Amino acid sequence: MVAAELASGKAYVHTATDKYGRPAIVIRTRLHVTGQYPIADSKRLAAYLIDTAISRIPPGGEQIVGIFDLRGFQFAQNADFAFAAFMVEAFFEYYPRRVGQVLFVEAPWVFFPAWEVIKPLMRKYSALVRFLSVAELRQEFFTKDTLPDDFKQ
């Protein structure tokens, strides 16, 4: 049910955990085109990725990390408020305390109006969000061997 949208490459569960032992979901926002797929299909893909990441939590672990790669983000094409609202609900209502951190990597200035709409929806969970560079992601969250390929360049 999620194969076509999964094949788009817009999101995936990384094969390795971060330095804190958390499986990572990587979302390539530039590949999410609002309206390209029915919202119900995007919701199914999100649930599939979250469930897959949770199934990969190592023994003794409890949380996953979401990494939003914002390089190439275009407001008119990639800002999908209905899907963003669903993601907030999914992460924080249906999977409480499973998300340890949400990382926004290389956020361009055009992303910040979208963030101002999304942030209030997150309520207290907005404290889990961190804006950072690719260099900071490399240094603080992954080793050379565990870094997702998207961030090796």
N, C-alpha and C. Protein backbone atom coordinates (compact mmCIF):
# COMPACT_ATOMS: atom_id res chain seq x y z
N MET A 1 0.80 -1.21 0.00
CA MET A 1 0.00 0.00 0.00
C MET A 1 0.85 1.27 0.00
N VAL A 2 2.12 1.16 0.36
CA VAL A 2 2.98 2.34 0.43
C VAL A 2 4.10 2.30 -0.60
N ALA A 3 4.15 1.26 -1.41
CA ALA A 3 5.29 1.04 -2.29
C ALA A 3 5.56 2.20 -3.25
N ALA A 4 4.55 2.72 -3.89
CA ALA A 4 4.76 3.78 -4.88
C ALA A 4 5.34 5.03 -4.23
N GLU A 5 4.76 5.44 -3.13
CA GLU A 5 5.26 6.65 -2.48
C GLU A 5 6.62 6.40 -1.82
N LEU A 6 6.83 5.23 -1.27
CA LEU A 6 8.13 4.89 -0.69
C LEU A 6 9.21 4.94 -1.78
N ALA A 7 8.88 4.50 -2.98
CA ALA A 7 9.83 4.50 -4.09
C ALA A 7 10.23 5.91 -4.52
N SER A 8 9.45 6.90 -4.14
CA SER A 8 9.79 8.29 -4.49
C SER A 8 11.07 8.74 -3.80
N GLY A 9 11.44 8.05 -2.72
CA GLY A 9 12.66 8.39 -1.99
C GLY A 9 12.52 9.58 -1.07
N LYS A 10 11.30 10.05 -0.87
CA LYS A 10 11.14 11.24 -0.05
C LYS A 10 11.36 10.98 1.44
N ALA A 11 11.30 9.74 1.85
CA ALA A 11 11.55 9.41 3.25
C ALA A 11 11.96 7.94 3.36
N TYR A 12 12.77 7.67 4.37
CA TYR A 12 13.22 6.30 4.60
C TYR A 12 13.70 6.16 6.04
N VAL A 13 13.78 4.92 6.49
CA VAL A 13 14.37 4.63 7.78
C VAL A 13 15.83 4.27 7.51
N HIS A 14 16.72 5.02 8.14
CA HIS A 14 18.16 4.80 7.95
C HIS A 14 18.55 3.44 8.53
N THR A 15 19.56 2.82 7.94
CA THR A 15 19.97 1.47 8.34
C THR A 15 20.70 1.42 9.67
N ALA A 16 21.30 2.53 10.10
CA ALA A 16 22.06 2.56 11.36
C ALA A 16 21.38 3.51 12.35
N THR A 17 21.69 3.34 13.61
CA THR A 17 21.18 4.25 14.64
C THR A 17 22.13 5.44 14.78
N ASP A 18 21.64 6.48 15.45
CA ASP A 18 22.51 7.62 15.74
C ASP A 18 23.41 7.26 16.93
N LYS A 19 24.22 8.20 17.37
CA LYS A 19 25.15 7.94 18.48
C LYS A 19 24.42 7.60 19.78
N TYR A 20 23.16 7.91 19.85
CA TYR A 20 22.36 7.67 21.05
C TYR A 20 21.54 6.39 20.95
N GLY A 21 21.79 5.60 19.89
CA GLY A 21 21.10 4.33 19.72
C GLY A 21 19.68 4.45 19.20
N ARG A 22 19.36 5.58 18.58
CA ARG A 22 18.00 5.79 18.08
C ARG A 22 17.93 5.56 16.57
N PRO A 23 17.00 4.73 16.12
CA PRO A 23 16.77 4.62 14.68
C PRO A 23 16.34 5.99 14.15
N ALA A 24 16.70 6.27 12.91
CA ALA A 24 16.41 7.58 12.33
C ALA A 24 15.53 7.46 11.10
N ILE A 25 14.51 8.30 11.07
CA ILE A 25 13.70 8.48 9.86
C ILE A 25 14.23 9.73 9.19
N VAL A 26 14.64 9.61 7.94
CA VAL A 26 15.14 10.74 7.17
C VAL A 26 14.07 11.16 6.18
N ILE A 27 13.68 12.43 6.25
CA ILE A 27 12.67 12.98 5.36
C ILE A 27 13.34 14.00 4.45
N ARG A 28 13.33 13.74 3.17
CA ARG A 28 13.89 14.66 2.17
C ARG A 28 12.76 15.57 1.71
N THR A 29 12.61 16.69 2.37
CA THR A 29 11.45 17.55 2.13
C THR A 29 11.34 18.04 0.70
N ARG A 30 12.46 18.20 0.03
CA ARG A 30 12.41 18.69 -1.36
C ARG A 30 11.72 17.70 -2.29
N LEU A 31 11.63 16.44 -1.87
CA LEU A 31 10.97 15.41 -2.69
C LEU A 31 9.50 15.23 -2.35
N HIS A 32 9.03 15.90 -1.30
CA HIS A 32 7.61 15.85 -0.95
C HIS A 32 6.91 17.00 -1.67
N VAL A 33 6.18 16.69 -2.70
CA VAL A 33 5.45 17.70 -3.46
C VAL A 33 3.99 17.66 -3.01
N THR A 34 3.54 18.76 -2.45
CA THR A 34 2.17 18.83 -1.95
C THR A 34 1.19 18.45 -3.06
N GLY A 35 0.32 17.47 -2.74
CA GLY A 35 -0.71 17.04 -3.69
C GLY A 35 -0.28 16.00 -4.69
N GLN A 36 0.99 15.63 -4.71
CA GLN A 36 1.46 14.62 -5.67
C GLN A 36 0.82 13.27 -5.39
N TYR A 37 0.65 12.94 -4.12
CA TYR A 37 -0.01 11.70 -3.71
C TYR A 37 -1.20 12.07 -2.84
N PRO A 38 -2.23 11.24 -2.81
CA PRO A 38 -3.35 11.51 -1.91
C PRO A 38 -2.85 11.56 -0.46
N ILE A 39 -3.42 12.45 0.33
CA ILE A 39 -2.98 12.62 1.72
C ILE A 39 -3.09 11.30 2.49
N ALA A 40 -4.10 10.50 2.19
CA ALA A 40 -4.25 9.20 2.87
C ALA A 40 -3.04 8.30 2.61
N ASP A 41 -2.51 8.34 1.39
CA ASP A 41 -1.32 7.54 1.06
C ASP A 41 -0.10 8.05 1.83
N SER A 42 0.05 9.36 1.92
CA SER A 42 1.17 9.94 2.66
C SER A 42 1.08 9.58 4.14
N LYS A 43 -0.12 9.57 4.67
CA LYS A 43 -0.31 9.18 6.08
C LYS A 43 0.08 7.72 6.29
N ARG A 44 -0.32 6.86 5.36
CA ARG A 44 0.05 5.44 5.47
C ARG A 44 1.57 5.27 5.42
N LEU A 45 2.23 6.00 4.52
CA LEU A 45 3.69 5.93 4.44
C LEU A 45 4.32 6.38 5.75
N ALA A 46 3.83 7.47 6.31
CA ALA A 46 4.37 7.97 7.59
C ALA A 46 4.22 6.92 8.68
N ALA A 47 3.05 6.32 8.80
CA ALA A 47 2.82 5.30 9.82
C ALA A 47 3.74 4.09 9.59
N TYR A 48 3.90 3.70 8.33
CA TYR A 48 4.80 2.59 8.00
C TYR A 48 6.24 2.90 8.44
N LEU A 49 6.71 4.11 8.14
CA LEU A 49 8.08 4.47 8.51
C LEU A 49 8.26 4.55 10.01
N ILE A 50 7.28 5.12 10.71
CA ILE A 50 7.36 5.20 12.17
C ILE A 50 7.39 3.79 12.77
N ASP A 51 6.48 2.93 12.31
CA ASP A 51 6.44 1.56 12.83
C ASP A 51 7.75 0.81 12.52
N THR A 52 8.30 1.02 11.33
CA THR A 52 9.56 0.38 10.96
C THR A 52 10.68 0.86 11.87
N ALA A 53 10.77 2.16 12.10
CA ALA A 53 11.81 2.71 12.97
C ALA A 53 11.67 2.17 14.39
N ILE A 54 10.46 2.14 14.90
CA ILE A 54 10.23 1.63 16.25
C ILE A 54 10.65 0.16 16.34
N SER A 55 10.38 -0.60 15.29
CA SER A 55 10.77 -2.02 15.32
C SER A 55 12.28 -2.21 15.34
N ARG A 56 13.02 -1.17 14.98
CA ARG A 56 14.49 -1.24 14.96
C ARG A 56 15.14 -0.64 16.20
N ILE A 57 14.36 -0.26 17.18
CA ILE A 57 14.94 0.27 18.42
C ILE A 57 15.70 -0.86 19.10
N PRO A 58 16.97 -0.63 19.43
CA PRO A 58 17.74 -1.68 20.08
C PRO A 58 17.22 -2.00 21.49
N PRO A 59 17.52 -3.17 22.00
CA PRO A 59 17.10 -3.52 23.36
C PRO A 59 17.52 -2.43 24.35
N GLY A 60 16.61 -2.07 25.23
CA GLY A 60 16.88 -1.03 26.22
C GLY A 60 16.57 0.37 25.73
N GLY A 61 16.36 0.54 24.43
CA GLY A 61 16.04 1.85 23.87
C GLY A 61 14.54 2.07 23.84
N GLU A 62 14.15 3.31 23.64
CA GLU A 62 12.72 3.64 23.61
C GLU A 62 12.36 4.63 22.52
N GLN A 63 13.36 5.32 21.94
CA GLN A 63 13.03 6.45 21.10
C GLN A 63 13.67 6.38 19.72
N ILE A 64 13.06 7.16 18.81
CA ILE A 64 13.58 7.34 17.46
C ILE A 64 13.90 8.82 17.27
N VAL A 65 14.56 9.14 16.17
CA VAL A 65 14.86 10.53 15.83
C VAL A 65 14.35 10.79 14.42
N GLY A 66 13.75 11.95 14.23
CA GLY A 66 13.29 12.37 12.91
C GLY A 66 14.25 13.41 12.35
N ILE A 67 14.74 13.19 11.15
CA ILE A 67 15.68 14.13 10.52
C ILE A 67 15.02 14.67 9.26
N PHE A 68 14.73 15.95 9.27
CA PHE A 68 14.14 16.61 8.12
C PHE A 68 15.25 17.33 7.36
N ASP A 69 15.59 16.81 6.19
CA ASP A 69 16.59 17.43 5.33
C ASP A 69 15.90 18.54 4.55
N LEU A 70 16.18 19.78 4.92
CA LEU A 70 15.49 20.92 4.34
C LEU A 70 16.26 21.58 3.20
N ARG A 71 17.34 20.96 2.78
CA ARG A 71 18.07 21.50 1.63
C ARG A 71 17.17 21.40 0.40
N GLY A 72 17.04 22.50 -0.30
CA GLY A 72 16.21 22.54 -1.49
C GLY A 72 14.73 22.74 -1.23
N PHE A 73 14.34 22.95 0.02
CA PHE A 73 12.94 23.19 0.37
C PHE A 73 12.43 24.45 -0.33
N GLN A 74 11.27 24.32 -0.97
CA GLN A 74 10.61 25.46 -1.61
C GLN A 74 9.22 25.58 -1.01
N PHE A 75 8.92 26.73 -0.46
CA PHE A 75 7.66 26.92 0.26
C PHE A 75 6.46 26.53 -0.59
N ALA A 76 6.36 27.06 -1.79
CA ALA A 76 5.18 26.83 -2.64
C ALA A 76 5.00 25.36 -3.02
N GLN A 77 6.09 24.63 -3.14
CA GLN A 77 6.03 23.25 -3.60
C GLN A 77 6.01 22.24 -2.46
N ASN A 78 6.76 22.52 -1.39
CA ASN A 78 6.98 21.50 -0.37
C ASN A 78 6.26 21.73 0.96
N ALA A 79 5.74 22.92 1.21
CA ALA A 79 5.04 23.19 2.47
C ALA A 79 3.65 22.56 2.40
N ASP A 80 3.44 21.53 3.20
CA ASP A 80 2.18 20.78 3.19
C ASP A 80 1.64 20.80 4.61
N PHE A 81 0.80 21.77 4.91
CA PHE A 81 0.34 21.97 6.29
C PHE A 81 -0.58 20.85 6.77
N ALA A 82 -1.39 20.29 5.89
CA ALA A 82 -2.27 19.18 6.30
C ALA A 82 -1.42 17.97 6.70
N PHE A 83 -0.39 17.70 5.92
CA PHE A 83 0.47 16.56 6.25
C PHE A 83 1.31 16.86 7.50
N ALA A 84 1.79 18.09 7.63
CA ALA A 84 2.56 18.46 8.82
C ALA A 84 1.71 18.31 10.08
N ALA A 85 0.46 18.72 10.01
CA ALA A 85 -0.44 18.57 11.17
C ALA A 85 -0.63 17.09 11.51
N PHE A 86 -0.76 16.26 10.49
CA PHE A 86 -0.87 14.81 10.73
C PHE A 86 0.39 14.27 11.39
N MET A 87 1.55 14.68 10.89
CA MET A 87 2.82 14.20 11.46
C MET A 87 2.93 14.56 12.93
N VAL A 88 2.58 15.77 13.27
CA VAL A 88 2.61 16.19 14.68
C VAL A 88 1.69 15.29 15.49
N GLU A 89 0.49 15.09 15.00
CA GLU A 89 -0.47 14.23 15.70
C GLU A 89 0.06 12.80 15.82
N ALA A 90 0.59 12.28 14.73
CA ALA A 90 1.08 10.90 14.74
C ALA A 90 2.22 10.72 15.73
N PHE A 91 3.23 11.60 15.64
CA PHE A 91 4.38 11.46 16.53
C PHE A 91 4.01 11.63 18.00
N PHE A 92 3.18 12.60 18.29
CA PHE A 92 3.00 12.98 19.68
C PHE A 92 1.69 12.50 20.31
N GLU A 93 0.74 12.07 19.53
CA GLU A 93 -0.51 11.54 20.09
C GLU A 93 -0.57 10.02 20.00
N TYR A 94 -0.17 9.47 18.86
CA TYR A 94 -0.26 8.02 18.67
C TYR A 94 1.02 7.28 19.05
N TYR A 95 2.13 7.99 19.08
CA TYR A 95 3.41 7.38 19.46
C TYR A 95 4.06 8.23 20.57
N PRO A 96 3.37 8.40 21.69
CA PRO A 96 3.92 9.30 22.73
C PRO A 96 5.26 8.83 23.26
N ARG A 97 6.13 9.78 23.45
CA ARG A 97 7.46 9.58 24.02
C ARG A 97 8.37 8.68 23.16
N ARG A 98 7.97 8.38 21.95
CA ARG A 98 8.81 7.58 21.05
C ARG A 98 9.79 8.46 20.29
N VAL A 99 9.48 9.72 20.12
CA VAL A 99 10.36 10.64 19.39
C VAL A 99 11.25 11.34 20.40
N GLY A 100 12.55 11.09 20.28
CA GLY A 100 13.50 11.71 21.19
C GLY A 100 13.93 13.09 20.73
N GLN A 101 13.92 13.30 19.42
CA GLN A 101 14.37 14.57 18.88
C GLN A 101 13.92 14.68 17.43
N VAL A 102 13.69 15.92 17.01
CA VAL A 102 13.37 16.23 15.63
C VAL A 102 14.44 17.21 15.16
N LEU A 103 15.17 16.84 14.14
CA LEU A 103 16.27 17.66 13.65
C LEU A 103 15.91 18.25 12.29
N PHE A 104 15.96 19.57 12.20
CA PHE A 104 15.75 20.28 10.94
C PHE A 104 17.12 20.68 10.43
N VAL A 105 17.55 20.06 9.33
CA VAL A 105 18.90 20.25 8.81
C VAL A 105 18.89 21.27 7.66
N GLU A 106 19.74 22.29 7.81
CA GLU A 106 19.94 23.32 6.78
C GLU A 106 18.63 24.00 6.36
N ALA A 107 17.89 24.48 7.34
CA ALA A 107 16.62 25.16 7.04
C ALA A 107 16.87 26.47 6.30
N PRO A 108 16.31 26.63 5.11
CA PRO A 108 16.44 27.89 4.38
C PRO A 108 15.47 28.92 4.96
N TRP A 109 15.69 30.17 4.66
CA TRP A 109 14.83 31.22 5.21
C TRP A 109 13.37 31.04 4.82
N VAL A 110 13.10 30.43 3.64
CA VAL A 110 11.71 30.25 3.21
C VAL A 110 10.96 29.21 4.05
N PHE A 111 11.69 28.42 4.84
CA PHE A 111 11.05 27.43 5.70
C PHE A 111 10.42 28.06 6.94
N PHE A 112 10.98 29.15 7.40
CA PHE A 112 10.56 29.69 8.69
C PHE A 112 9.10 30.15 8.76
N PRO A 113 8.48 30.66 7.69
CA PRO A 113 7.04 30.92 7.78
C PRO A 113 6.23 29.64 8.03
N ALA A 114 6.64 28.53 7.40
CA ALA A 114 5.98 27.25 7.65
C ALA A 114 6.19 26.81 9.09
N TRP A 115 7.38 27.00 9.61
CA TRP A 115 7.68 26.63 10.98
C TRP A 115 6.81 27.42 11.96
N GLU A 116 6.56 28.67 11.68
CA GLU A 116 5.72 29.48 12.56
C GLU A 116 4.28 28.96 12.62
N VAL A 117 3.83 28.29 11.57
CA VAL A 117 2.50 27.67 11.58
C VAL A 117 2.54 26.33 12.31
N ILE A 118 3.58 25.56 12.11
CA ILE A 118 3.70 24.21 12.68
C ILE A 118 4.02 24.25 14.17
N LYS A 119 4.88 25.16 14.58
CA LYS A 119 5.36 25.20 15.97
C LYS A 119 4.24 25.22 17.01
N PRO A 120 3.21 26.05 16.88
CA PRO A 120 2.14 26.03 17.89
C PRO A 120 1.40 24.70 17.97
N LEU A 121 1.32 23.98 16.84
CA LEU A 121 0.65 22.68 16.85
C LEU A 121 1.41 21.68 17.74
N MET A 122 2.70 21.88 17.85
CA MET A 122 3.54 20.94 18.60
C MET A 122 3.48 21.15 20.11
N ARG A 123 2.97 22.30 20.53
CA ARG A 123 2.87 22.62 21.95
C ARG A 123 4.23 22.38 22.62
N LYS A 124 4.23 21.71 23.75
CA LYS A 124 5.47 21.52 24.51
C LYS A 124 6.51 20.69 23.76
N TYR A 125 6.07 19.92 22.77
CA TYR A 125 6.99 19.07 22.03
C TYR A 125 7.91 19.87 21.10
N SER A 126 7.59 21.14 20.89
CA SER A 126 8.48 21.95 20.04
C SER A 126 9.87 22.05 20.65
N ALA A 127 9.98 21.78 21.95
CA ALA A 127 11.30 21.78 22.60
C ALA A 127 12.19 20.65 22.09
N LEU A 128 11.61 19.64 21.45
CA LEU A 128 12.40 18.54 20.89
C LEU A 128 13.05 18.90 19.57
N VAL A 129 12.65 20.02 18.99
CA VAL A 129 13.13 20.43 17.68
C VAL A 129 14.45 21.18 17.81
N ARG A 130 15.34 20.84 16.91
CA ARG A 130 16.62 21.56 16.84
C ARG A 130 16.94 21.84 15.38
N PHE A 131 17.34 23.07 15.12
CA PHE A 131 17.81 23.47 13.80
C PHE A 131 19.33 23.34 13.80
N LEU A 132 19.87 22.68 12.78
CA LEU A 132 21.31 22.49 12.73
C LEU A 132 21.82 22.35 11.31
N SER A 133 23.12 22.43 11.17
CA SER A 133 23.77 22.29 9.87
C SER A 133 24.12 20.82 9.63
N VAL A 134 24.48 20.51 8.41
CA VAL A 134 24.94 19.16 8.09
C VAL A 134 26.19 18.84 8.92
N ALA A 135 27.09 19.80 9.06
CA ALA A 135 28.31 19.58 9.84
C ALA A 135 27.97 19.23 11.29
N GLU A 136 27.01 19.91 11.87
CA GLU A 136 26.61 19.61 13.25
C GLU A 136 25.96 18.22 13.34
N LEU A 137 25.16 17.86 12.35
CA LEU A 137 24.55 16.53 12.33
C LEU A 137 25.64 15.46 12.29
N ARG A 138 26.63 15.66 11.41
CA ARG A 138 27.74 14.70 11.30
C ARG A 138 28.48 14.55 12.62
N GLN A 139 28.81 15.67 13.22
CA GLN A 139 29.64 15.67 14.42
C GLN A 139 28.90 15.17 15.67
N GLU A 140 27.67 15.61 15.84
CA GLU A 140 26.97 15.35 17.10
C GLU A 140 26.11 14.09 17.12
N PHE A 141 25.66 13.63 15.95
CA PHE A 141 24.66 12.57 15.97
C PHE A 141 25.06 11.26 15.30
N PHE A 142 26.10 11.28 14.47
CA PHE A 142 26.50 10.07 13.76
C PHE A 142 28.01 9.95 13.72
N THR A 143 28.47 8.74 13.50
CA THR A 143 29.88 8.53 13.24
C THR A 143 30.07 8.53 11.72
N LYS A 144 31.29 8.52 11.29
CA LYS A 144 31.59 8.46 9.85
C LYS A 144 30.93 7.24 9.21
N ASP A 145 30.90 6.14 9.94
CA ASP A 145 30.36 4.89 9.40
C ASP A 145 28.84 4.79 9.46
N THR A 146 28.21 5.55 10.36
CA THR A 146 26.76 5.43 10.52
C THR A 146 25.98 6.59 9.90
N LEU A 147 26.66 7.59 9.40
CA LEU A 147 26.02 8.77 8.82
C LEU A 147 25.20 8.38 7.59
N PRO A 148 23.94 8.85 7.49
CA PRO A 148 23.18 8.58 6.26
C PRO A 148 23.90 9.15 5.04
N ASP A 149 23.85 8.44 3.93
CA ASP A 149 24.53 8.85 2.71
C ASP A 149 24.17 10.27 2.28
N ASP A 150 22.94 10.68 2.52
CA ASP A 150 22.50 12.03 2.13
C ASP A 150 23.37 13.13 2.71
N PHE A 151 24.03 12.87 3.81
CA PHE A 151 24.77 13.90 4.52
C PHE A 151 26.29 13.70 4.46
N LYS A 152 26.75 12.80 3.61
CA LYS A 152 28.20 12.52 3.50
C LYS A 152 28.93 13.48 2.58
N GLN A 153 28.25 14.21 1.76
CA GLN A 153 28.92 15.09 0.79
C GLN A 153 29.38 16.36 1.43
